[in-house]
Amino acid sequence: MADKPTRRLTRPALFICDIQEKFRPAIWNYDKVILTTQKMIKAATILNIPIYATTQNRARLGETCSELPLSSAVAHVDKTRFSMWIPSITTHFSSFTPAEIVIVGIESHICVTQTALDAVRAGHKVYVLADGVSSVNREEVPVALERLRGEGVTVTTSESWVYECMGDAGIEEFRQVAGLVKESSGGTKEVLGALLSKI
């Protein structure tokens, strides 16, 4: 008798860091970060993964960009700290039951880095998507990712993480996720070519 299919990751969570409208003209390949984040939101919806999103100083820097539907987010909060690891988010996590947190957003070397480091230090498994983060200066990105690897963060890609999250083609949601991957394959190729060319 075959084992019942189960997911590989048991407590995944998606963090969307400060993808705000005012950053659009300044961030290197901002539109590519949007494409990956849209795909991750769709995957999270299919797989029932909780979403946590932040804005940085919303009064000055504006709302999360309109292309990202976040009505289903567990928390969509404003902050002044650079890290997303703030009480209104950490209250949803326990150090006794580590989560598998995946991060997309900006900037790679500031808010993304500080969020990842804080979550690792709190005992969680943290992933940063190389096809889902950027900075104003593109040269900052590989430096940030190299540092994060050294601190125990897994640097990976959106497609790799989504398949790792599932772990088994026998799970009920597999067909929907595979359809999403196929549907977004052109955008994924474009994003990888743009964002990972300098990593």
C-alpha atoms as a PDB file:
ATOM      1  CA  MET A   1       0.000   0.000   0.000  1.00  0.00           C
ATOM      2  CA  ALA A   2       1.438   3.375  -1.074  1.00  0.00           C
ATOM      3  CA  ASP A   3       2.075   6.054   1.519  1.00  0.00           C
ATOM      4  CA  LYS A   4      -0.328   8.979   1.458  1.00  0.00           C
ATOM      5  CA  PRO A   5       1.288  11.962  -0.316  1.00  0.00           C
ATOM      6  CA  THR A   6       2.375  14.680   2.095  1.00  0.00           C
ATOM      7  CA  ARG A   7       4.013  18.049   1.680  1.00  0.00           C
ATOM      8  CA  ARG A   8       7.744  18.371   2.216  1.00  0.00           C
ATOM      9  CA  LEU A   9       7.504  21.701   4.064  1.00  0.00           C
ATOM     10  CA  THR A  10       5.064  21.651   6.962  1.00  0.00           C
ATOM     11  CA  ARG A  11       4.878  25.304   8.081  1.00  0.00           C
ATOM     12  CA  PRO A  12       5.650  27.488   5.049  1.00  0.00           C
ATOM     13  CA  ALA A  13       5.046  31.247   5.099  1.00  0.00           C
ATOM     14  CA  LEU A  14       5.475  33.905   2.422  1.00  0.00           C
ATOM     15  CA  PHE A  15       6.960  37.281   3.418  1.00  0.00           C
ATOM     16  CA  ILE A  16       6.521  40.186   0.969  1.00  0.00           C
ATOM     17  CA  CYS A  17       8.863  42.994   1.951  1.00  0.00           C
ATOM     18  CA  ASP A  18       8.141  46.639   1.102  1.00  0.00           C
ATOM     19  CA  ILE A  19       7.210  46.375  -2.584  1.00  0.00           C
ATOM     20  CA  GLN A  20       5.838  49.916  -2.749  1.00  0.00           C
ATOM     21  CA  GLU A  21       4.825  52.159  -5.604  1.00  0.00           C
ATOM     22  CA  LYS A  22       7.337  54.923  -4.849  1.00  0.00           C
ATOM     23  CA  PHE A  23      10.222  52.470  -5.271  1.00  0.00           C
ATOM     24  CA  ARG A  24       9.192  51.603  -8.847  1.00  0.00           C
ATOM     25  CA  PRO A  25      11.473  54.064 -10.689  1.00  0.00           C
ATOM     26  CA  ALA A  26      14.457  53.443  -8.417  1.00  0.00           C
ATOM     27  CA  ILE A  27      14.744  49.666  -7.990  1.00  0.00           C
ATOM     28  CA  TRP A  28      16.778  47.673 -10.496  1.00  0.00           C
ATOM     29  CA  ASN A  29      14.383  45.388 -12.431  1.00  0.00           C
ATOM     30  CA  TYR A  30      11.446  46.272 -10.191  1.00  0.00           C
ATOM     31  CA  ASP A  31       9.000  44.803 -12.734  1.00  0.00           C
ATOM     32  CA  LYS A  32      10.754  41.421 -12.470  1.00  0.00           C
ATOM     33  CA  VAL A  33      10.363  41.395  -8.690  1.00  0.00           C
ATOM     34  CA  ILE A  34       6.648  42.065  -9.260  1.00  0.00           C
ATOM     35  CA  LEU A  35       6.348  39.107 -11.673  1.00  0.00           C
ATOM     36  CA  THR A  36       7.900  36.684  -9.198  1.00  0.00           C
ATOM     37  CA  THR A  37       5.842  38.040  -6.314  1.00  0.00           C
ATOM     38  CA  GLN A  38       2.614  37.668  -8.299  1.00  0.00           C
ATOM     39  CA  LYS A  39       3.514  34.035  -9.013  1.00  0.00           C
ATOM     40  CA  MET A  40       4.306  33.427  -5.344  1.00  0.00           C
ATOM     41  CA  ILE A  41       0.984  34.929  -4.216  1.00  0.00           C
ATOM     42  CA  LYS A  42      -0.865  32.642  -6.637  1.00  0.00           C
ATOM     43  CA  ALA A  43       1.102  29.601  -5.441  1.00  0.00           C
ATOM     44  CA  ALA A  44       0.500  30.553  -1.805  1.00  0.00           C
ATOM     45  CA  THR A  45      -3.219  30.836  -2.491  1.00  0.00           C
ATOM     46  CA  ILE A  46      -3.356  27.381  -4.105  1.00  0.00           C
ATOM     47  CA  LEU A  47      -1.296  25.790  -1.314  1.00  0.00           C
ATOM     48  CA  ASN A  48      -2.997  27.741   1.495  1.00  0.00           C
ATOM     49  CA  ILE A  49       0.303  29.291   2.616  1.00  0.00           C
ATOM     50  CA  PRO A  50      -0.072  32.325   4.904  1.00  0.00           C
ATOM     51  CA  ILE A  51       1.132  35.628   3.499  1.00  0.00           C
ATOM     52  CA  TYR A  52       2.701  38.444   5.528  1.00  0.00           C
ATOM     53  CA  ALA A  53       3.407  41.790   3.880  1.00  0.00           C
ATOM     54  CA  THR A  54       4.862  45.102   4.982  1.00  0.00           C
ATOM     55  CA  THR A  55       5.330  48.642   3.840  1.00  0.00           C
ATOM     56  CA  GLN A  56       8.210  50.827   4.960  1.00  0.00           C
ATOM     57  CA  ASN A  57       7.013  54.185   6.293  1.00  0.00           C
ATOM     58  CA  ARG A  58       3.823  54.137   4.206  1.00  0.00           C
ATOM     59  CA  ALA A  59       2.989  57.801   4.888  1.00  0.00           C
ATOM     60  CA  ARG A  60       6.129  58.854   3.048  1.00  0.00           C
ATOM     61  CA  LEU A  61       6.794  55.972   0.670  1.00  0.00           C
ATOM     62  CA  GLY A  62       3.271  54.959  -0.305  1.00  0.00           C
ATOM     63  CA  GLU A  63       1.191  51.814  -0.514  1.00  0.00           C
ATOM     64  CA  THR A  64       2.159  48.356  -1.736  1.00  0.00           C
ATOM     65  CA  CYS A  65       2.015  48.449  -5.535  1.00  0.00           C
ATOM     66  CA  SER A  66      -1.406  47.787  -7.038  1.00  0.00           C
ATOM     67  CA  GLU A  67      -0.350  44.680  -9.004  1.00  0.00           C
ATOM     68  CA  LEU A  68      -0.060  42.675  -5.788  1.00  0.00           C
ATOM     69  CA  PRO A  69      -3.405  41.433  -4.402  1.00  0.00           C
ATOM     70  CA  LEU A  70      -2.951  41.169  -0.643  1.00  0.00           C
ATOM     71  CA  SER A  71      -6.530  41.074   0.634  1.00  0.00           C
ATOM     72  CA  SER A  72      -5.964  37.519   1.897  1.00  0.00           C
ATOM     73  CA  ALA A  73      -2.725  38.353   3.763  1.00  0.00           C
ATOM     74  CA  VAL A  74      -2.664  37.346   7.432  1.00  0.00           C
ATOM     75  CA  ALA A  75      -0.917  40.653   8.131  1.00  0.00           C
ATOM     76  CA  HIS A  76      -0.246  43.658   5.871  1.00  0.00           C
ATOM     77  CA  VAL A  77       1.366  46.180   8.174  1.00  0.00           C
ATOM     78  CA  ASP A  78       3.410  49.354   8.109  1.00  0.00           C
ATOM     79  CA  LYS A  79       6.766  49.636   9.870  1.00  0.00           C
ATOM     80  CA  THR A  80       9.667  51.960  10.457  1.00  0.00           C
ATOM     81  CA  ARG A  81      12.112  49.194  11.381  1.00  0.00           C
ATOM     82  CA  PHE A  82      13.952  47.802   8.403  1.00  0.00           C
ATOM     83  CA  SER A  83      13.244  44.197   9.403  1.00  0.00           C
ATOM     84  CA  MET A  84       9.807  42.664   8.902  1.00  0.00           C
ATOM     85  CA  TRP A  85      10.389  40.701  12.115  1.00  0.00           C
ATOM     86  CA  ILE A  86       8.160  43.016  14.181  1.00  0.00           C
ATOM     87  CA  PRO A  87       5.601  42.161  16.892  1.00  0.00           C
ATOM     88  CA  SER A  88       2.526  42.337  14.645  1.00  0.00           C
ATOM     89  CA  ILE A  89       4.121  39.576  12.526  1.00  0.00           C
ATOM     90  CA  THR A  90       6.151  37.617  15.076  1.00  0.00           C
ATOM     91  CA  THR A  91       3.030  37.025  17.145  1.00  0.00           C
ATOM     92  CA  HIS A  92       2.011  34.509  14.450  1.00  0.00           C
ATOM     93  CA  PHE A  93       5.193  32.447  14.914  1.00  0.00           C
ATOM     94  CA  SER A  94       6.534  30.196  17.649  1.00  0.00           C
ATOM     95  CA  SER A  95      10.160  29.315  18.300  1.00  0.00           C
ATOM     96  CA  PHE A  96       8.948  25.880  19.423  1.00  0.00           C
ATOM     97  CA  THR A  97       7.512  25.065  15.991  1.00  0.00           C
ATOM     98  CA  PRO A  98       9.906  26.517  13.383  1.00  0.00           C
ATOM     99  CA  ALA A  99       8.407  27.844  10.176  1.00  0.00           C
ATOM    100  CA  GLU A 100       9.855  27.746   6.669  1.00  0.00           C
ATOM    101  CA  ILE A 101       9.807  31.410   5.687  1.00  0.00           C
ATOM    102  CA  VAL A 102      10.366  32.492   2.094  1.00  0.00           C
ATOM    103  CA  ILE A 103      11.123  36.152   1.398  1.00  0.00           C
ATOM    104  CA  VAL A 104      10.616  38.327  -1.679  1.00  0.00           C
ATOM    105  CA  GLY A 105      10.935  42.095  -1.884  1.00  0.00           C
ATOM    106  CA  ILE A 106      13.267  45.038  -1.519  1.00  0.00           C
ATOM    107  CA  GLU A 107      15.891  46.076  -0.806  1.00  0.00           C
ATOM    108  CA  SER A 108      18.040  42.948  -0.878  1.00  0.00           C
ATOM    109  CA  HIS A 109      20.803  44.304   1.309  1.00  0.00           C
ATOM    110  CA  ILE A 110      18.671  46.193   3.833  1.00  0.00           C
ATOM    111  CA  CYS A 111      15.112  45.111   4.689  1.00  0.00           C
ATOM    112  CA  VAL A 112      15.319  41.651   3.108  1.00  0.00           C
ATOM    113  CA  THR A 113      18.673  40.925   4.771  1.00  0.00           C
ATOM    114  CA  GLN A 114      17.610  42.156   8.207  1.00  0.00           C
ATOM    115  CA  THR A 115      14.315  40.224   8.032  1.00  0.00           C
ATOM    116  CA  ALA A 116      16.104  37.020   7.039  1.00  0.00           C
ATOM    117  CA  LEU A 117      18.735  37.356   9.769  1.00  0.00           C
ATOM    118  CA  ASP A 118      16.133  38.062  12.462  1.00  0.00           C
ATOM    119  CA  ALA A 119      13.992  35.092  11.439  1.00  0.00           C
ATOM    120  CA  VAL A 120      17.016  32.750  11.376  1.00  0.00           C
ATOM    121  CA  ARG A 121      18.073  33.951  14.831  1.00  0.00           C
ATOM    122  CA  ALA A 122      14.513  33.276  16.044  1.00  0.00           C
ATOM    123  CA  GLY A 123      14.966  29.625  15.036  1.00  0.00           C
ATOM    124  CA  HIS A 124      13.191  29.488  11.678  1.00  0.00           C
ATOM    125  CA  LYS A 125      14.300  28.058   8.332  1.00  0.00           C
ATOM    126  CA  VAL A 126      14.606  30.978   5.920  1.00  0.00           C
ATOM    127  CA  TYR A 127      14.710  31.096   2.132  1.00  0.00           C
ATOM    128  CA  VAL A 128      15.373  34.183   0.005  1.00  0.00           C
ATOM    129  CA  LEU A 129      14.351  34.031  -3.649  1.00  0.00           C
ATOM    130  CA  ALA A 130      17.110  35.239  -5.939  1.00  0.00           C
ATOM    131  CA  ASP A 131      14.456  35.851  -8.612  1.00  0.00           C
ATOM    132  CA  GLY A 132      12.298  37.840  -6.197  1.00  0.00           C
ATOM    133  CA  VAL A 133      14.586  40.432  -4.603  1.00  0.00           C
ATOM    134  CA  SER A 134      16.397  43.541  -5.796  1.00  0.00           C
ATOM    135  CA  SER A 135      17.939  46.847  -4.743  1.00  0.00           C
ATOM    136  CA  VAL A 136      18.433  50.325  -6.131  1.00  0.00           C
ATOM    137  CA  ASN A 137      22.024  49.416  -7.032  1.00  0.00           C
ATOM    138  CA  ARG A 138      22.172  46.004  -8.688  1.00  0.00           C
ATOM    139  CA  GLU A 139      25.697  45.436  -7.353  1.00  0.00           C
ATOM    140  CA  GLU A 140      24.229  45.193  -3.827  1.00  0.00           C
ATOM    141  CA  VAL A 141      22.219  42.072  -4.683  1.00  0.00           C
ATOM    142  CA  PRO A 142      24.970  39.428  -5.054  1.00  0.00           C
ATOM    143  CA  VAL A 143      26.789  40.806  -2.007  1.00  0.00           C
ATOM    144  CA  ALA A 144      23.616  40.510   0.091  1.00  0.00           C
ATOM    145  CA  LEU A 145      22.858  36.986  -1.148  1.00  0.00           C
ATOM    146  CA  GLU A 146      26.416  35.822  -0.480  1.00  0.00           C
ATOM    147  CA  ARG A 147      26.236  37.189   3.055  1.00  0.00           C
ATOM    148  CA  LEU A 148      22.867  35.533   3.675  1.00  0.00           C
ATOM    149  CA  ARG A 149      24.173  32.153   2.517  1.00  0.00           C
ATOM    150  CA  GLY A 150      26.984  32.495   5.042  1.00  0.00           C
ATOM    151  CA  GLU A 151      24.416  33.219   7.778  1.00  0.00           C
ATOM    152  CA  GLY A 152      22.466  30.012   7.116  1.00  0.00           C
ATOM    153  CA  VAL A 153      19.789  31.371   4.770  1.00  0.00           C
ATOM    154  CA  THR A 154      18.940  29.236   1.729  1.00  0.00           C
ATOM    155  CA  VAL A 155      19.129  31.281  -1.476  1.00  0.00           C
ATOM    156  CA  THR A 156      16.978  29.652  -4.137  1.00  0.00           C
ATOM    157  CA  THR A 157      14.421  30.421  -6.875  1.00  0.00           C
ATOM    158  CA  SER A 158      10.649  30.674  -6.841  1.00  0.00           C
ATOM    159  CA  GLU A 159      10.048  27.511  -8.851  1.00  0.00           C
ATOM    160  CA  SER A 160      12.498  25.488  -6.777  1.00  0.00           C
ATOM    161  CA  TRP A 161      10.898  26.635  -3.511  1.00  0.00           C
ATOM    162  CA  VAL A 162       7.339  25.957  -4.665  1.00  0.00           C
ATOM    163  CA  TYR A 163       8.260  22.401  -5.690  1.00  0.00           C
ATOM    164  CA  GLU A 164      10.168  21.886  -2.444  1.00  0.00           C
ATOM    165  CA  CYS A 165       7.124  23.110  -0.552  1.00  0.00           C
ATOM    166  CA  MET A 166       4.998  20.446  -2.277  1.00  0.00           C
ATOM    167  CA  GLY A 167       7.537  17.630  -2.232  1.00  0.00           C
ATOM    168  CA  ASP A 168       5.174  15.111  -3.885  1.00  0.00           C
ATOM    169  CA  ALA A 169       3.330  15.147  -7.224  1.00  0.00           C
ATOM    170  CA  GLY A 170       0.623  13.106  -5.530  1.00  0.00           C
ATOM    171  CA  ILE A 171      -0.683  15.960  -3.402  1.00  0.00           C
ATOM    172  CA  GLU A 172      -4.089  17.291  -4.329  1.00  0.00           C
ATOM    173  CA  GLU A 173      -2.866  20.776  -5.323  1.00  0.00           C
ATOM    174  CA  PHE A 174      -0.073  19.582  -7.626  1.00  0.00           C
ATOM    175  CA  ARG A 175      -1.995  19.972 -10.906  1.00  0.00           C
ATOM    176  CA  GLN A 176      -2.943  23.565 -10.103  1.00  0.00           C
ATOM    177  CA  VAL A 177       0.613  24.495  -9.154  1.00  0.00           C
ATOM    178  CA  ALA A 178       2.055  22.762 -12.228  1.00  0.00           C
ATOM    179  CA  GLY A 179      -0.459  24.744 -14.315  1.00  0.00           C
ATOM    180  CA  LEU A 180       0.688  27.974 -12.678  1.00  0.00           C
ATOM    181  CA  VAL A 181       4.345  27.131 -13.375  1.00  0.00           C
ATOM    182  CA  LYS A 182       3.513  26.420 -17.028  1.00  0.00           C
ATOM    183  CA  GLU A 183       1.396  29.569 -17.350  1.00  0.00           C
ATOM    184  CA  SER A 184       4.174  31.763 -15.925  1.00  0.00           C
ATOM    185  CA  SER A 185       7.106  30.023 -17.660  1.00  0.00           C
ATOM    186  CA  GLY A 186       7.751  32.877 -20.116  1.00  0.00           C
ATOM    187  CA  GLY A 187       7.866  35.431 -17.321  1.00  0.00           C
ATOM    188  CA  THR A 188      10.041  33.152 -15.189  1.00  0.00           C
ATOM    189  CA  LYS A 189      12.603  32.828 -17.979  1.00  0.00           C
ATOM    190  CA  GLU A 190      12.640  36.596 -18.446  1.00  0.00           C
ATOM    191  CA  VAL A 191      13.055  37.202 -14.699  1.00  0.00           C
ATOM    192  CA  LEU A 192      15.874  34.669 -14.315  1.00  0.00           C
ATOM    193  CA  GLY A 193      17.731  36.181 -17.266  1.00  0.00           C
ATOM    194  CA  ALA A 194      17.442  39.673 -15.812  1.00  0.00           C
ATOM    195  CA  LEU A 195      17.893  39.221 -12.057  1.00  0.00           C
ATOM    196  CA  LEU A 196      20.312  36.298 -11.936  1.00  0.00           C
ATOM    197  CA  SER A 197      22.624  37.485 -14.706  1.00  0.00           C
ATOM    198  CA  LYS A 198      24.712  39.412 -12.150  1.00  0.00           C
ATOM    199  CA  ILE A 199      24.664  36.869  -9.318  1.00  0.00           C
END
